[in-house]
Amino acid sequence: MSAKATSESRFGPGAARLAGHAARLLGWRPGEFWQATPAELAAALAPPPGNAAPLGRADLTRMMEQDHA
């Protein structure tokens, strides 16, 4: 088996597994998964920093208002 065939046979199952994780954990649809860069996917799936403060109600409200502006 050539190196190309080996890498291609690994890509499909790995991509399907990551797409499934993105769907279950992030609520991403397939198009959102395929449009994301590897860095975006890694950042979205990474745990928050240990020193991150929880999101407060005021911050959540502000973010929601900005989203609908």
Protein backbone atom coordinates (compact mmCIF):
# COMPACT_ATOMS: atom_id res chain seq x y z
CA MET A 1 0.00 0.00 0.00
CA SER A 2 1.39 3.41 -0.92
CA ALA A 3 1.86 6.24 1.55
CA LYS A 4 -0.87 8.19 -0.25
CA ALA A 5 -3.38 5.36 0.09
CA THR A 6 -2.50 4.96 3.76
CA SER A 7 -3.01 8.66 4.56
CA GLU A 8 -6.27 8.74 2.58
CA SER A 9 -7.61 5.70 4.40
CA ARG A 10 -6.91 7.40 7.73
CA PHE A 11 -8.40 10.78 6.79
CA GLY A 12 -12.00 9.65 6.32
CA PRO A 13 -12.53 7.89 9.65
CA GLY A 14 -10.68 10.63 11.54
CA ALA A 15 -12.70 13.38 9.87
CA ALA A 16 -15.94 11.54 10.59
CA ARG A 17 -14.96 11.12 14.25
CA LEU A 18 -14.07 14.82 14.61
CA ALA A 19 -17.26 15.89 12.81
CA GLY A 20 -19.23 13.76 15.27
CA HIS A 21 -17.48 15.36 18.24
CA ALA A 22 -18.14 18.84 16.84
CA ALA A 23 -21.81 17.98 16.34
CA ARG A 24 -22.32 16.52 19.82
CA LEU A 25 -20.15 18.86 21.86
CA LEU A 26 -20.46 22.12 19.93
CA GLY A 27 -23.75 21.76 18.10
CA TRP A 28 -22.01 22.29 14.75
CA ARG A 29 -23.69 21.19 11.54
CA PRO A 30 -21.50 19.57 8.85
CA GLY A 31 -21.01 22.84 6.96
CA GLU A 32 -19.76 24.57 10.09
CA PHE A 33 -17.32 21.75 10.73
CA TRP A 34 -15.91 21.80 7.20
CA GLN A 35 -15.60 25.60 7.16
CA ALA A 36 -13.64 25.67 10.41
CA THR A 37 -9.87 25.66 10.38
CA PRO A 38 -8.01 23.04 12.43
CA ALA A 39 -6.99 25.83 14.83
CA GLU A 40 -10.62 26.92 15.27
CA LEU A 41 -11.72 23.35 15.96
CA ALA A 42 -8.90 22.85 18.47
CA ALA A 43 -9.75 26.11 20.25
CA ALA A 44 -13.45 25.24 20.39
CA LEU A 45 -12.77 21.79 21.84
CA ALA A 46 -10.02 22.85 24.27
CA PRO A 47 -10.93 23.05 27.94
CA PRO A 48 -11.14 26.57 29.34
CA PRO A 49 -8.10 27.86 31.18
CA GLY A 50 -8.06 26.93 34.85
CA ASN A 51 -8.15 30.55 35.94
CA ALA A 52 -11.10 31.61 33.73
CA ALA A 53 -13.89 33.31 35.63
CA PRO A 54 -17.39 31.99 35.02
CA LEU A 55 -19.55 34.00 32.65
CA GLY A 56 -21.74 36.41 34.58
CA ARG A 57 -25.35 37.25 33.77
CA ALA A 58 -24.46 40.83 32.73
CA ASP A 59 -21.82 39.58 30.29
CA LEU A 60 -24.21 37.00 28.85
CA THR A 61 -26.92 39.63 28.37
CA ARG A 62 -24.44 42.01 26.68
CA MET A 63 -23.28 39.24 24.32
CA MET A 64 -26.85 38.31 23.46
CA GLU A 65 -27.72 41.94 22.73
CA GLN A 66 -24.67 42.31 20.48
CA ASP A 67 -25.63 39.12 18.63
CA HIS A 68 -29.08 40.51 17.82
CA ALA A 69 -27.96 44.06 16.99
